[in-house]
């Protein structure tokens, strides 16, 4: 599927513009890194608190970081799409990229689980008590999956086709 998408955009105007603009790729890398910092920086605090660590922090207050997390994800989504457009034939067959995309989907499903099961009842939790098992599961899954996304992203230039 990715290969057919790549073949359809490889000679498109956006792809050619990204390839021919020498300063664009480094700027996209910087924005991608800034987005990753916002995304992971916020999630580390939110997830560790939700898992029961840092009990001195108010649980609801840590969730005020979510807009920064969403902004970071937005930066990464936009720059990631532009990276794909800039070199679609390389990304489409890259095993690191393919695993990364699967993991981003898993992270999204985990976020839905948070939204459906944890967010509606979180305000009723005793901040001093141990976190519910579902909260720990969602929090540790989030941390593990996003760390794996980071690792796969860093491996893209170094691993080849599947």
Protein backbone atom coordinates (compact mmCIF):
# COMPACT_ATOMS: atom_id res chain seq x y z
CA UNK A 1 0.00 0.00 0.00
CA UNK A 2 2.73 2.48 0.97
CA UNK A 3 4.64 1.66 -2.18
CA UNK A 4 1.68 2.51 -4.41
CA UNK A 5 1.17 5.80 -2.57
CA UNK A 6 4.87 6.54 -2.92
CA UNK A 7 4.84 5.79 -6.63
CA UNK A 8 1.92 8.15 -7.15
CA UNK A 9 3.60 11.12 -5.42
CA UNK A 10 7.29 10.63 -6.28
CA UNK A 11 7.28 13.06 -9.21
CA UNK A 12 4.59 15.37 -7.85
CA UNK A 13 5.16 19.09 -7.35
CA UNK A 14 5.37 18.89 -3.55
CA UNK A 15 7.87 16.06 -3.68
CA UNK A 16 10.01 17.88 -6.24
CA UNK A 17 9.86 21.13 -4.24
CA UNK A 18 11.01 19.39 -1.05
CA UNK A 19 13.84 17.66 -2.92
CA UNK A 20 15.02 20.81 -4.66
CA UNK A 21 14.89 23.23 -1.71
CA UNK A 22 18.25 22.67 0.00
CA UNK A 23 17.36 24.41 3.29
CA UNK A 24 13.95 22.78 3.76
CA UNK A 25 14.98 19.32 5.03
CA UNK A 26 17.09 20.66 7.94
CA UNK A 27 14.30 23.08 8.91
CA UNK A 28 11.81 20.20 8.88
CA UNK A 29 14.20 18.15 11.05
CA UNK A 30 14.39 21.00 13.59
CA UNK A 31 10.61 21.38 13.70
CA UNK A 32 10.20 17.59 13.97
CA UNK A 33 12.62 17.53 16.91
CA UNK A 34 10.82 20.43 18.62
CA UNK A 35 7.51 18.62 18.14
CA UNK A 36 8.98 15.44 19.55
CA UNK A 37 10.24 17.37 22.58
CA UNK A 38 6.79 18.82 23.25
CA UNK A 39 5.07 15.48 22.67
CA UNK A 40 7.35 13.32 24.77
CA UNK A 41 8.14 15.97 27.37
CA UNK A 42 4.48 16.40 28.18
CA UNK A 43 3.64 12.70 28.00
CA UNK A 44 6.45 11.72 30.33
CA UNK A 45 5.05 13.98 33.06
CA UNK A 46 1.42 13.05 32.39
CA UNK A 47 2.01 9.30 32.09
CA UNK A 48 4.34 8.96 35.07
CA UNK A 49 1.87 10.87 37.27
CA UNK A 50 -1.05 8.84 35.95
CA UNK A 51 0.89 5.65 36.73
CA UNK A 52 1.20 6.77 40.35
CA UNK A 53 4.57 8.53 40.45
CA UNK A 54 5.14 12.16 41.50
CA UNK A 55 2.16 12.16 43.86
CA UNK A 56 3.03 15.69 44.94
CA UNK A 57 1.78 16.82 41.51
CA UNK A 58 -1.95 17.27 41.12
CA UNK A 59 -3.13 14.70 38.60
CA UNK A 60 -5.51 17.09 36.85
CA UNK A 61 -2.84 19.79 36.70
CA UNK A 62 -0.48 17.54 34.78
CA UNK A 63 -3.16 17.11 32.14
CA UNK A 64 -2.94 20.83 31.42
CA UNK A 65 0.15 19.82 29.43
CA UNK A 66 -2.06 18.03 26.88
CA UNK A 67 -2.34 21.06 24.56
CA UNK A 68 1.47 21.09 24.28
CA UNK A 69 1.41 17.36 23.56
CA UNK A 70 -1.15 17.92 20.78
CA UNK A 71 0.88 20.80 19.33
CA UNK A 72 3.97 18.58 19.33
CA UNK A 73 2.05 15.78 17.65
CA UNK A 74 0.76 18.24 15.07
CA UNK A 75 4.29 19.43 14.30
CA UNK A 76 5.43 15.83 13.91
CA UNK A 77 2.46 14.87 11.78
CA UNK A 78 2.99 17.75 9.35
CA UNK A 79 6.76 17.38 9.13
CA UNK A 80 6.47 13.61 8.93
CA UNK A 81 4.14 13.85 5.95
CA UNK A 82 6.55 16.29 4.31
CA UNK A 83 9.46 13.89 4.95
CA UNK A 84 7.47 11.13 3.27
CA UNK A 85 6.71 13.39 0.31
CA UNK A 86 10.37 14.38 0.10
CA UNK A 87 11.62 10.82 -0.34
CA UNK A 88 8.58 8.56 -0.74
CA UNK A 89 10.28 5.58 -2.38
CA UNK A 90 12.82 5.29 0.45
CA UNK A 91 10.29 5.66 3.26
CA UNK A 92 7.68 3.33 1.75
CA UNK A 93 10.00 0.30 1.90
CA UNK A 94 11.88 1.21 5.09
CA UNK A 95 11.16 -1.25 7.90
CA UNK A 96 11.91 1.35 10.57
CA UNK A 97 9.33 3.70 9.06
CA UNK A 98 6.75 0.93 8.67
CA UNK A 99 7.11 -0.18 12.30
CA UNK A 100 7.02 3.45 13.43
CA UNK A 101 3.69 4.01 11.65
CA UNK A 102 2.20 0.88 13.21
CA UNK A 103 3.37 2.07 16.63
CA UNK A 104 1.83 5.52 16.10
CA UNK A 105 -1.49 3.77 15.40
CA UNK A 106 -1.07 1.72 18.59
CA UNK A 107 -0.34 4.95 20.50
CA UNK A 108 -3.52 6.45 19.06
CA UNK A 109 -5.57 3.44 20.15
CA UNK A 110 -4.01 3.72 23.61
CA UNK A 111 -5.00 7.39 23.69
CA UNK A 112 -8.58 6.39 22.84
CA UNK A 113 -8.53 3.94 25.74
CA UNK A 114 -7.42 6.82 27.99
CA UNK A 115 -10.16 9.06 26.64
CA UNK A 116 -12.92 6.45 27.07
CA UNK A 117 -11.92 4.77 30.34
CA UNK A 118 -9.72 7.12 32.36
CA UNK A 119 -10.53 10.72 31.52
CA UNK A 120 -14.22 10.50 32.56
CA UNK A 121 -13.41 9.16 36.06
CA UNK A 122 -9.98 10.61 36.75
CA UNK A 123 -11.35 13.54 38.77
CA UNK A 124 -12.78 11.10 41.34
CA UNK A 125 -9.44 9.47 42.17
CA UNK A 126 -7.74 10.00 45.50
CA UNK A 127 -4.42 11.62 44.59
CA UNK A 128 -2.65 9.95 47.51
CA UNK A 129 -3.95 6.46 46.69
CA UNK A 130 -2.40 4.06 44.24
CA UNK A 131 -3.44 4.56 40.62
CA UNK A 132 -5.98 2.10 39.18
CA UNK A 133 -4.57 -0.76 37.13
CA UNK A 134 -6.12 0.55 33.90
CA UNK A 135 -4.39 3.91 34.42
CA UNK A 136 -1.04 2.21 34.98
CA UNK A 137 -1.56 0.08 31.89
CA UNK A 138 -2.41 3.07 29.69
CA UNK A 139 0.42 5.19 31.12
CA UNK A 140 3.15 2.57 30.80
CA UNK A 141 1.89 1.51 27.36
CA UNK A 142 2.03 5.15 26.25
CA UNK A 143 5.59 5.57 27.51
CA UNK A 144 6.78 2.30 25.94
CA UNK A 145 5.10 2.86 22.59
CA UNK A 146 6.27 6.47 22.22
CA UNK A 147 9.81 5.46 23.18
CA UNK A 148 9.65 2.76 20.50
CA UNK A 149 8.36 5.35 17.99
CA UNK A 150 11.37 7.50 18.85
CA UNK A 151 13.78 4.59 18.40
CA UNK A 152 12.24 3.55 15.08
CA UNK A 153 12.38 7.13 13.85
CA UNK A 154 16.07 7.32 14.65
CA UNK A 155 16.65 3.99 12.88
CA UNK A 156 15.05 5.08 9.58
CA UNK A 157 18.32 6.36 8.05
CA UNK A 158 20.18 3.20 9.10
CA UNK A 159 17.84 0.32 8.31
CA UNK A 160 16.75 -0.77 4.89
CA UNK A 161 13.83 -2.51 3.39
CA UNK A 162 11.74 -5.13 5.13
